[in-house]
Structures are given as C-alpha cells and as structure tokens.
C-alpha cells in the first residue's frame, strides 16, 4: 500500500537527531506489552479467526464497541453502516482522531498459521467467498484498543478529547466517506488532528515510517461493460464478439500508461477481472472488466480516468459497434491520494525517534501504489492535518532471508500473507500513544 520502487522520501528529522543518544522505551510500552500478553493477544486471535467483509463487519464492530466501552469511552455504533465511534473526554484541549480499519478480504487463507481463518461470508455483491485478514486490519483494531487502555490509564499526562473510530470498508475505499456522510465531523467532536497506522509486511518489526508528503496513492475501481451481439461460435461473422473486443481493450489500456502518461508521473491501470460468456460455442452479448487505477497526484488520476473512457469508446467504434452500444465505463469507488501534513509529520517523526529510538524510524520508501481511504478524513476542505505511518510487520530475519534468495515475504492481499502480531501491535500502539501525548500534553 503505498512512489515507484527505489524512490525514497528521507525524513529530515533523522539528520537533526543523528547525534543524539537513543532513549529508553517509555514506561507505557511495557504496559502495552503486558496487556498483549494478558488478553490482547487473545483478542487478536479472535479477530484473525473471524474476519468479516467490507460493510459486513457486524460482529467485529460489536466486539470493538464492547472493548472501547469498557475503557469508559462514550461509544456510538452503526456510524456510516457498521462504523464505531468512541469518544474519550479528559478536560479542555485539542481533539485527536485515531482511526483503525476493521474489514477483511475475500481471500482463502493459506498462511500456515495455527489460527488460519476458515470463515466464509456473503458480501454486499451477493457472492459467498472465503474471508481472511490478508492486510493486517486485525492488528489495527487491537492496536486501537491497546492505545485506548493506555490513554485511560495515563489521564494525568494529557488533556483534551480523543475520538477513536473503528472504520468499515477500507478495502472497498468506501468506509471513511460513509462515516463522514453520516456526520462523523458534525455529530461528534471535529478533530484538530487525524492519526492512523498500517502494518507493512515489507518493513521489519519494531520500526515505523512516515512520509512528509505522499503516503499512499489514489485508487479508483472502474467497471467496464463491453456490449456485443450474441451469435453461434461457429458463425462469428453474424455477431459482435465482446470477448475479442474486450481483449483488445485490455491491451489498449496499457498504451495509456506507456504512451500517454508522463513517464515521471507514477500511474497504474490493472484489469483485475474479465468475465464473459457461458459456453464453449456461444458468443456472448457482453463482457465485463473490473479495473483498478492508481496515481500519485490528482491531475494524473483525472487524466487516466478520462483516457479509459476515451479508449474504451473508440475500441468499440474500431470494432463497428454502434454509438448506442459503445463500452460503458463506471467509476464505482475511489479515494484521493493520501498526503501527510508536512509540519505535523516532522513533529511526530521526531517524537517517534525520541520514543522508539533512531534505529526504529526508517526512511519512507513507497514500493507499491497501494491506496487508503483515510485520505477522506484529511481532505483540504476539512482543515484537519493528518499523520499516517507504517509499522513493521515482518521479522528482520525473514526479510534478510528473502533478500538472500530464500522464501519471499508474501505481499498484502496474498493468501499467504502473515505478519508478527505482537511486535506490530505493541509498536503501533506505543507509537500512537506517544503521538497523542505529544499533541495533547498538558500546559
């Protein structure tokens, strides 16, 4: 989830603190670890075994509401569908939003873990699929509970209001938008800052990383319906073959990337699904493509979508489709580029160094064009500066072994995906607690 391989955004704060001695871990880090050993590890196990699909996180949301209510927070359920909002008030001061996403993915787990998910669920599309936490959202929600517990235990160290949200449907880049539409910033205290973290399988455990600019790319899910004229497979000249036309379109879309998009502007068009036909010898009357589009700036994002519309229509014309039967392009879901606030990031990156040690704060490197709907919480019109950071999820030994030619580290969304939950949750919760204490410290 995340500029092209090799492009690094170095953290200037590292140069400022390079000569400073590493500091000891804060006292609350040990308390978070003790919480994990006592019962948060079991909570992670529960969530990992029982993932739920986007917009369907009913049991996950209920358990999150229970855990957050137990801290003394005011909890509201069913915000934006299955979203949970917990408000923790502690006197005057700033409002800080902490977000954790809850949903799993329609993937059959093959990680080899002892607690592999065997869950199945019918999604909002009406299709039943196996479900797994193939992106680590189970660590995020447990990390939010861990942070809430620490903040309640340390009320003497901060002042203000913390708004903690369990967000649905991040994987469909729809949950943040839904919660905002349901009054997240009007029914509840509007934040002065918004914070979140995501476990990253390409980072070693015990580390964090945040960019002072782009943290994640934009993402748009696009459906393309290619009409045709049905016919017998032995008489293709009597119809219009949508499989043939759609196949041309799949290739033509890559011409947008290679010949229309400026080469120094990152962008991706991937056709993730191609569905057509019912039988060997029947030419169907339509084909359906599902496409994801990624960019690192809004101009490129708009150009790619416009080009997809143009190319789709003209591939139809090239094949003789009439004007009323040209391919139909629909943007189903989308999220803007996720950008961190530069000043806030410099401030909190310095806190990460002070809290976790220099060696734990690594230069940000965007290796994929993953996306995040956290972007909606920090859009310019909201005037809410945001800080989104990555937390290492794979032991360094496994990363080193992969680099030396050993077993590769599975990517996010892979059936083989797995991370080390204990260091991810403890590091993420420690870092988030440190950030809150910095932003809400008493005068």
Protein backbone atom coordinates (compact mmCIF):
# COMPACT_ATOMS: atom_id res chain seq x y z
CA UNK A 1 0.00 0.00 0.00
CA UNK A 2 1.94 2.59 -0.83
CA UNK A 3 6.19 6.13 -5.41
CA UNK A 4 7.87 3.68 -7.69
CA UNK A 5 10.41 1.21 -6.31
CA UNK A 6 13.59 2.88 -5.18
CA UNK A 7 12.17 6.38 -4.73
CA UNK A 8 12.86 7.35 -1.16
CA UNK A 9 11.45 10.18 0.90
CA UNK A 10 14.03 10.65 3.63
CA UNK A 11 12.97 12.02 6.96
CA UNK A 12 14.84 15.28 7.62
CA UNK A 13 14.31 14.79 11.32
CA UNK A 14 16.77 11.91 11.28
CA UNK A 15 19.60 14.25 10.38
CA UNK A 16 18.67 16.53 13.24
CA UNK A 17 18.78 13.79 15.85
CA UNK A 18 21.55 11.61 14.42
CA UNK A 19 23.98 12.65 17.13
CA UNK A 20 21.51 12.23 19.96
CA UNK A 21 21.74 9.13 22.17
CA UNK A 22 18.96 6.58 21.87
CA UNK A 23 16.33 6.95 24.57
CA UNK A 24 14.89 4.18 26.68
CA UNK A 25 11.44 2.91 25.78
CA UNK A 26 8.68 4.76 27.65
CA UNK A 27 7.07 3.14 30.65
CA UNK A 28 3.79 2.62 28.81
CA UNK A 29 5.47 0.40 26.19
CA UNK A 30 5.93 -2.27 28.85
CA UNK A 31 2.30 -1.84 29.92
CA UNK A 32 1.12 -2.33 26.33
CA UNK A 33 3.24 -5.46 26.05
CA UNK A 34 1.77 -6.74 29.33
CA UNK A 35 -1.73 -6.05 28.00
CA UNK A 36 -0.92 -8.05 24.90
CA UNK A 37 0.37 -10.97 26.93
CA UNK A 38 -2.63 -10.87 29.25
CA UNK A 39 -5.53 -10.69 26.80
CA UNK A 40 -4.91 -8.56 23.70
CA UNK A 41 -3.10 -11.45 22.07
CA UNK A 42 -6.24 -13.50 22.50
CA UNK A 43 -8.29 -10.62 21.11
CA UNK A 44 -6.09 -10.57 18.00
CA UNK A 45 -6.52 -14.34 17.69
CA UNK A 46 -10.30 -13.87 17.83
CA UNK A 47 -10.33 -11.22 15.14
CA UNK A 48 -7.93 -13.17 12.94
CA UNK A 49 -10.09 -16.30 13.08
CA UNK A 50 -13.30 -14.33 12.48
CA UNK A 51 -12.75 -11.76 9.72
CA UNK A 52 -15.69 -10.05 8.03
CA UNK A 53 -16.03 -8.46 4.61
CA UNK A 54 -16.41 -4.75 3.86
CA UNK A 55 -19.73 -3.25 5.01
CA UNK A 56 -20.47 -6.57 6.74
CA UNK A 57 -18.32 -6.14 9.89
CA UNK A 58 -21.25 -6.57 12.26
CA UNK A 59 -19.65 -8.90 14.82
CA UNK A 60 -16.28 -7.18 14.59
CA UNK A 61 -17.91 -3.80 15.24
CA UNK A 62 -19.89 -5.16 18.19
CA UNK A 63 -16.74 -6.55 19.79
CA UNK A 64 -14.87 -3.29 19.18
CA UNK A 65 -17.73 -1.35 20.74
CA UNK A 66 -17.61 -3.62 23.78
CA UNK A 67 -13.84 -3.27 24.20
CA UNK A 68 -13.86 0.51 23.79
CA UNK A 69 -16.88 0.95 26.04
CA UNK A 70 -15.00 -0.96 28.73
CA UNK A 71 -12.39 1.83 28.80
CA UNK A 72 -15.05 4.33 29.83
CA UNK A 73 -15.39 5.96 26.40
CA UNK A 74 -18.78 7.10 25.05
CA UNK A 75 -19.46 4.65 22.22
CA UNK A 76 -21.80 5.07 19.26
CA UNK A 77 -22.39 2.18 16.87
CA UNK A 78 -23.64 1.94 13.28
CA UNK A 79 -22.00 5.15 12.07
CA UNK A 80 -21.72 5.01 8.29
CA UNK A 81 -23.05 1.45 8.34
CA UNK A 82 -21.02 -0.66 10.75
CA UNK A 83 -18.64 2.05 11.96
CA UNK A 84 -17.87 2.54 15.66
CA UNK A 85 -17.09 5.91 17.26
CA UNK A 86 -15.71 6.10 20.81
CA UNK A 87 -15.21 9.49 22.46
CA UNK A 88 -12.86 9.79 25.42
CA UNK A 89 -13.06 13.18 27.14
CA UNK A 90 -10.39 14.43 29.53
CA UNK A 91 -10.82 18.15 30.08
CA UNK A 92 -10.05 21.07 27.76
CA UNK A 93 -7.65 20.75 24.88
CA UNK A 94 -7.36 19.60 21.28
CA UNK A 95 -9.41 16.87 19.64
CA UNK A 96 -7.40 14.00 18.15
CA UNK A 97 -8.94 11.32 15.94
CA UNK A 98 -7.47 7.80 15.96
CA UNK A 99 -8.64 5.52 13.17
CA UNK A 100 -8.40 1.75 12.75
CA UNK A 101 -9.97 -0.15 9.82
CA UNK A 102 -11.84 -3.37 10.52
CA UNK A 103 -12.59 -5.29 7.33
CA UNK A 104 -11.11 -8.44 5.87
CA UNK A 105 -10.81 -9.62 2.25
CA UNK A 106 -12.47 -12.29 0.09
CA UNK A 107 -9.36 -14.50 0.13
CA UNK A 108 -8.93 -18.11 1.29
CA UNK A 109 -6.16 -18.11 3.87
CA UNK A 110 -3.16 -20.35 3.22
CA UNK A 111 -0.69 -18.71 5.61
CA UNK A 112 0.05 -21.87 7.56
CA UNK A 113 -0.72 -20.12 10.84
CA UNK A 114 -2.32 -22.23 13.55
CA UNK A 115 -5.25 -19.82 13.71
CA UNK A 116 -5.92 -19.59 9.97
CA UNK A 117 -9.35 -18.27 9.10
CA UNK A 118 -11.84 -20.74 7.70
CA UNK A 119 -14.62 -18.14 7.65
CA UNK A 120 -16.93 -17.69 4.70
CA UNK A 121 -19.36 -14.83 4.14
CA UNK A 122 -21.78 -13.48 1.58
CA UNK A 123 -20.61 -10.00 0.62
CA UNK A 124 -22.58 -6.95 -0.44
CA UNK A 125 -22.34 -8.27 -4.01
CA UNK A 126 -24.36 -11.35 -3.01
CA UNK A 127 -21.45 -13.73 -3.61
CA UNK A 128 -20.16 -16.07 -0.91
CA UNK A 129 -16.39 -16.16 -0.51
CA UNK A 130 -13.80 -17.32 2.00
CA UNK A 131 -12.60 -14.43 4.15
CA UNK A 132 -9.24 -13.64 5.76
CA UNK A 133 -7.41 -10.70 7.27
CA UNK A 134 -4.99 -10.52 4.35
CA UNK A 135 -4.00 -6.92 5.05
CA UNK A 136 -3.48 -6.87 8.81
CA UNK A 137 -6.53 -4.90 9.85
CA UNK A 138 -6.88 -7.25 12.80
CA UNK A 139 -3.67 -5.74 14.22
CA UNK A 140 -5.00 -2.20 13.70
CA UNK A 141 -8.17 -2.68 15.72
CA UNK A 142 -6.36 -4.46 18.56
CA UNK A 143 -3.78 -1.66 18.50
CA UNK A 144 -6.61 0.86 18.89
CA UNK A 145 -7.91 -0.97 21.96
CA UNK A 146 -4.38 -1.08 23.40
CA UNK A 147 -3.97 2.67 22.84
CA UNK A 148 -7.34 3.43 24.42
CA UNK A 149 -6.43 1.47 27.54
CA UNK A 150 -3.11 3.28 27.93
CA UNK A 151 -4.64 6.71 27.46
CA UNK A 152 -7.24 5.99 30.13
CA UNK A 153 -4.52 4.79 32.49
CA UNK A 154 -2.50 7.97 31.90
CA UNK A 155 -5.16 10.67 32.05
CA UNK A 156 -2.85 12.74 34.23
CA UNK A 157 -0.48 13.18 31.26
CA UNK A 158 -2.84 14.65 28.66
CA UNK A 159 -5.84 16.90 28.27
CA UNK A 160 -8.45 17.12 25.54
CA UNK A 161 -10.72 14.73 23.64
CA UNK A 162 -9.76 11.57 21.79
CA UNK A 163 -12.14 10.28 19.11
CA UNK A 164 -11.43 6.62 18.28
CA UNK A 165 -13.08 5.04 15.27
CA UNK A 166 -13.41 1.50 14.04
CA UNK A 167 -13.86 2.12 10.33
CA UNK A 168 -15.63 -0.26 7.97
CA UNK A 169 -14.97 -0.94 4.29
CA UNK A 170 -11.44 0.38 3.84
CA UNK A 171 -10.80 -2.42 1.34
CA UNK A 172 -13.61 -1.04 -0.80
CA UNK A 173 -12.33 2.51 -0.16
CA UNK A 174 -15.82 3.45 0.96
CA UNK A 175 -15.99 3.37 4.76
CA UNK A 176 -14.34 6.71 5.55
CA UNK A 177 -16.60 8.52 3.10
CA UNK A 178 -19.65 6.79 4.57
CA UNK A 179 -18.75 7.76 8.14
CA UNK A 180 -18.22 11.38 7.12
CA UNK A 181 -21.55 11.40 5.29
CA UNK A 182 -23.18 10.06 8.46
CA UNK A 183 -21.94 13.04 10.49
CA UNK A 184 -18.55 11.97 11.83
CA UNK A 185 -17.36 15.59 11.85
CA UNK A 186 -20.71 17.09 12.93
CA UNK A 187 -22.29 14.61 15.35
CA UNK A 188 -19.01 14.09 17.18
CA UNK A 189 -16.17 16.46 18.15
CA UNK A 190 -14.36 17.56 14.98
CA UNK A 191 -10.68 16.66 15.20
CA UNK A 192 -7.79 19.08 15.18
CA UNK A 193 -5.59 16.16 14.05
CA UNK A 194 -6.26 12.76 12.48
CA UNK A 195 -3.88 9.82 13.01
CA UNK A 196 -3.69 6.25 11.75
CA UNK A 197 -1.20 3.46 11.14
CA UNK A 198 -0.96 0.43 8.89
CA UNK A 199 1.10 -2.69 9.38
CA UNK A 200 3.56 -3.22 6.50
CA UNK A 201 4.91 -6.67 5.66
CA UNK A 202 7.91 -5.13 3.85
CA UNK A 203 9.14 -3.33 6.99
CA UNK A 204 10.96 -5.10 9.84
CA UNK A 205 9.15 -5.42 13.14
CA UNK A 206 9.89 -2.70 15.67
CA UNK A 207 10.13 0.02 13.03
CA UNK A 208 7.89 2.85 11.86
CA UNK A 209 7.99 5.02 8.74
CA UNK A 210 6.08 8.11 7.59
CA UNK A 211 6.39 10.41 4.60
CA UNK A 212 6.21 14.18 4.80
CA UNK A 213 4.20 14.12 1.57
CA UNK A 214 2.55 11.18 -0.21
CA UNK A 215 1.95 8.15 1.98
CA UNK A 216 -0.42 6.30 -0.36
CA UNK A 217 -1.64 6.61 -3.94
CA UNK A 218 -5.14 7.34 -5.15
CA UNK A 219 -7.32 4.42 -6.15
CA UNK A 220 -10.38 4.13 -8.37
CA UNK A 221 -12.36 0.96 -9.02
CA UNK A 222 -13.82 1.02 -12.52
CA UNK A 223 -16.31 -1.34 -14.14
CA UNK A 224 -16.34 -1.54 -17.94
CA UNK A 225 -19.19 -3.28 -19.74
CA UNK A 226 -18.38 -4.17 -23.35
CA UNK A 227 -21.56 -4.83 -25.35
CA UNK A 228 -21.65 -7.35 -28.17
CA UNK A 229 -24.08 -9.17 -30.39
CA UNK A 230 -24.60 -12.79 -29.44
CA UNK A 231 -24.09 -15.50 -32.04
CA UNK A 232 -23.02 -19.09 -32.58
CA UNK A 233 -19.31 -19.69 -32.02
CA UNK A 234 -19.17 -21.33 -35.45
CA UNK A 235 -20.57 -18.19 -37.12
CA UNK A 236 -18.75 -15.25 -35.53
CA UNK A 237 -19.42 -13.05 -38.56
CA UNK A 238 -23.10 -12.95 -37.65
CA UNK A 239 -22.46 -11.23 -34.31
CA UNK A 240 -20.07 -8.91 -32.49
CA UNK A 241 -17.74 -10.81 -30.17
CA UNK A 242 -17.37 -8.89 -26.87
CA UNK A 243 -14.56 -11.19 -25.71
CA UNK A 244 -12.48 -10.22 -28.75
CA UNK A 245 -13.33 -6.53 -28.32
CA UNK A 246 -12.65 -6.57 -24.57
CA UNK A 247 -9.33 -8.37 -25.16
CA UNK A 248 -8.26 -5.53 -27.45
CA UNK A 249 -9.32 -3.10 -24.76
CA UNK A 250 -7.23 -4.81 -22.09
CA UNK A 251 -4.13 -4.30 -24.26
CA UNK A 252 -5.11 -0.77 -25.34
CA UNK A 253 -5.45 0.39 -21.74
CA UNK A 254 -1.74 -0.25 -21.18
CA UNK A 255 -1.00 2.19 -24.02
CA UNK A 256 -2.36 4.91 -21.76
CA UNK A 257 0.33 4.09 -19.21
CA UNK A 258 3.20 3.68 -21.68
CA UNK A 259 2.36 6.37 -24.23
CA UNK A 260 0.07 8.99 -22.68
CA UNK A 261 1.06 9.28 -19.03
CA UNK A 262 4.27 11.29 -18.45
CA UNK A 263 6.98 8.73 -17.54
CA UNK A 264 7.96 10.59 -14.36
CA UNK A 265 4.37 10.58 -13.10
CA UNK A 266 3.52 7.28 -11.37
CA UNK A 267 0.37 5.53 -12.52
CA UNK A 268 -1.08 2.04 -12.84
CA UNK A 269 -4.02 0.54 -14.73
CA UNK A 270 -4.68 -3.09 -13.84
CA UNK A 271 -7.50 -5.26 -15.16
CA UNK A 272 -8.25 -7.49 -12.21
CA UNK A 273 -11.23 -9.40 -13.58
CA UNK A 274 -12.59 -10.37 -17.03
CA UNK A 275 -15.95 -12.13 -17.21
CA UNK A 276 -17.87 -13.19 -20.30
CA UNK A 277 -19.88 -16.00 -21.77
CA UNK A 278 -21.48 -19.21 -20.56
CA UNK A 279 -20.45 -21.96 -23.02
CA UNK A 280 -17.72 -23.01 -25.46
CA UNK A 281 -19.69 -22.35 -28.63
CA UNK A 282 -21.73 -19.29 -27.72
CA UNK A 283 -20.61 -15.76 -28.46
CA UNK A 284 -21.89 -13.72 -25.53
CA UNK A 285 -23.74 -10.43 -25.78
CA UNK A 286 -21.43 -8.68 -23.30
CA UNK A 287 -18.14 -8.86 -21.41
CA UNK A 288 -17.34 -7.24 -18.06
CA UNK A 289 -13.99 -5.89 -16.92
CA UNK A 290 -13.06 -4.78 -13.40
CA UNK A 291 -10.20 -2.30 -13.35
CA UNK A 292 -8.14 -0.57 -10.65
CA UNK A 293 -6.45 2.76 -11.40
CA UNK A 294 -3.68 4.29 -9.27
CA UNK A 295 -1.91 7.69 -9.33
CA UNK A 296 0.15 9.93 -7.06
CA UNK A 297 -1.47 13.24 -7.98
CA UNK A 298 -4.98 14.33 -8.81
CA UNK A 299 -4.13 15.60 -12.34
CA UNK A 300 -2.74 12.20 -13.35
CA UNK A 301 -5.68 10.47 -11.70
CA UNK A 302 -8.16 12.55 -13.73
CA UNK A 303 -6.18 12.04 -16.96
CA UNK A 304 -6.13 8.24 -16.56
CA UNK A 305 -9.88 8.02 -15.94
CA UNK A 306 -10.68 10.30 -18.88
CA UNK A 307 -8.34 8.28 -21.12
CA UNK A 308 -10.01 5.00 -20.08
CA UNK A 309 -13.37 6.43 -21.13
CA UNK A 310 -11.97 7.61 -24.49
CA UNK A 311 -10.06 4.44 -25.30
CA UNK A 312 -12.98 2.21 -24.32
CA UNK A 313 -15.40 4.06 -26.57
CA UNK A 314 -13.01 4.10 -29.51
CA UNK A 315 -12.10 0.41 -29.26
CA UNK A 316 -15.84 -0.16 -29.57
CA UNK A 317 -16.01 2.09 -32.63
CA UNK A 318 -12.95 0.35 -34.12
CA UNK A 319 -14.90 -2.90 -33.98
CA UNK A 320 -18.01 -1.48 -35.57
CA UNK A 321 -20.20 -1.12 -32.51
CA UNK A 322 -22.95 1.48 -32.99
CA UNK A 323 -22.90 4.68 -30.92
CA UNK A 324 -25.65 3.41 -28.64
CA UNK A 325 -23.72 0.20 -27.90
CA UNK A 326 -20.26 1.51 -27.04
CA UNK A 327 -18.48 0.20 -23.90
CA UNK A 328 -19.84 1.73 -20.70
CA UNK A 329 -17.32 2.95 -18.10
CA UNK A 330 -18.43 3.45 -14.49
CA UNK A 331 -16.27 4.61 -11.57
CA UNK A 332 -17.64 2.52 -8.71
CA UNK A 333 -15.41 3.56 -5.80
CA UNK A 334 -12.46 5.88 -5.38
CA UNK A 335 -10.19 7.62 -2.92
CA UNK A 336 -7.79 10.53 -3.36
CA UNK A 337 -4.05 10.50 -2.73
CA UNK A 338 -3.25 10.22 0.98
CA UNK A 339 -0.85 13.01 1.96
CA UNK A 340 0.59 13.61 5.38
CA UNK A 341 0.73 17.17 6.73
CA UNK A 342 4.44 18.13 6.45
CA UNK A 343 4.69 20.17 9.67
CA UNK A 344 2.75 17.61 11.70
CA UNK A 345 4.82 14.77 10.26
CA UNK A 346 8.12 16.45 11.14
CA UNK A 347 6.86 17.00 14.66
CA UNK A 348 5.63 13.46 15.19
CA UNK A 349 8.52 11.77 13.41
CA UNK A 350 10.76 13.49 15.96
CA UNK A 351 8.54 12.06 18.70
CA UNK A 352 8.91 8.59 17.15
CA UNK A 353 12.69 8.91 17.31
CA UNK A 354 12.52 10.06 20.93
CA UNK A 355 10.11 7.27 21.87
CA UNK A 356 11.32 4.27 19.86
CA UNK A 357 14.95 5.19 19.12
CA UNK A 358 16.68 6.37 15.95
CA UNK A 359 17.09 2.90 14.52
CA UNK A 360 13.35 2.30 14.71
CA UNK A 361 12.39 5.28 12.49
CA UNK A 362 13.30 4.29 8.94
CA UNK A 363 13.24 6.34 5.72
CA UNK A 364 9.93 6.16 3.94
CA UNK A 365 10.02 4.22 0.67
CA UNK A 366 6.91 3.71 -1.42
CA UNK A 367 7.31 0.33 -3.09
CA UNK A 368 3.78 -0.14 -4.42
CA UNK A 369 0.82 2.05 -5.34
CA UNK A 370 -1.44 0.92 -2.55
CA UNK A 371 -4.22 3.28 -1.52
CA UNK A 372 -6.08 4.32 1.60
CA UNK A 373 -9.44 5.98 2.17
CA UNK A 374 -8.01 7.72 5.26
CA UNK A 375 -7.45 10.44 2.64
CA UNK A 376 -11.08 11.49 3.04
CA UNK A 377 -10.57 12.42 6.71
CA UNK A 378 -7.76 14.85 5.84
CA UNK A 379 -9.01 16.49 2.66
CA UNK A 380 -8.09 20.19 2.45
CA UNK A 381 -11.66 21.41 2.91
CA UNK A 382 -11.84 19.73 6.33
CA UNK A 383 -8.73 21.59 7.56
CA UNK A 384 -7.68 18.52 9.59
CA UNK A 385 -3.95 17.80 9.31
CA UNK A 386 -3.17 14.11 9.11
CA UNK A 387 -0.36 11.76 10.10
CA UNK A 388 -0.40 8.23 8.72
CA UNK A 389 2.54 5.95 9.47
CA UNK A 390 3.59 2.43 8.59
CA UNK A 391 4.52 -0.14 11.25
CA UNK A 392 6.83 -3.06 10.53
CA UNK A 393 5.17 -6.46 10.46
CA UNK A 394 7.84 -8.99 9.41
CA UNK A 395 10.84 -10.10 11.50
CA UNK A 396 14.09 -8.75 10.07
CA UNK A 397 15.47 -12.29 9.78
CA UNK A 398 12.67 -13.23 7.36
CA UNK A 399 13.29 -10.11 5.26
CA UNK A 400 17.04 -10.79 5.19
CA UNK A 401 16.43 -14.39 4.19
CA UNK A 402 14.14 -13.33 1.34
CA UNK A 403 16.74 -10.85 0.08
CA UNK A 404 19.34 -13.61 0.13
CA UNK A 405 17.21 -15.80 -2.12
CA UNK A 406 15.13 -17.56 0.49
CA UNK A 407 11.34 -17.73 0.75
CA UNK A 408 9.75 -14.47 -0.39
CA UNK A 409 7.76 -12.39 2.07
CA UNK A 410 4.10 -12.64 0.98
CA UNK A 411 2.51 -9.40 -0.10
CA UNK A 412 -0.59 -7.85 1.36
CA UNK A 413 -3.78 -9.39 -0.09
CA UNK A 414 -1.98 -12.69 -0.69
CA UNK A 415 -3.48 -15.95 0.67
CA UNK A 416 -0.03 -16.48 2.22
CA UNK A 417 0.02 -13.11 3.98
CA UNK A 418 1.09 -13.16 7.60
CA UNK A 419 2.73 -10.74 9.98
CA UNK A 420 4.07 -10.99 13.51
CA UNK A 421 1.12 -9.63 15.51
CA UNK A 422 2.73 -9.00 18.89
CA UNK A 423 5.53 -6.60 17.78
CA UNK A 424 3.22 -4.93 15.25
CA UNK A 425 0.51 -4.24 17.80
CA UNK A 426 2.89 -3.22 20.59
CA UNK A 427 4.94 -0.92 18.33
CA UNK A 428 1.85 0.58 16.69
CA UNK A 429 0.09 1.24 19.99
CA UNK A 430 3.25 2.63 21.60
CA UNK A 431 3.82 4.98 18.67
CA UNK A 432 0.18 6.09 18.62
CA UNK A 433 0.17 6.70 22.37
CA UNK A 434 3.35 8.78 22.04
CA UNK A 435 1.76 10.86 19.27
CA UNK A 436 -1.36 11.55 21.34
CA UNK A 437 0.67 12.53 24.40
CA UNK A 438 2.66 14.96 22.24
CA UNK A 439 -0.40 16.59 20.68
CA UNK A 440 -2.42 16.70 23.91
CA UNK A 441 0.21 17.33 26.56
CA UNK A 442 -0.89 19.46 29.46
CA UNK A 443 0.37 23.07 29.54
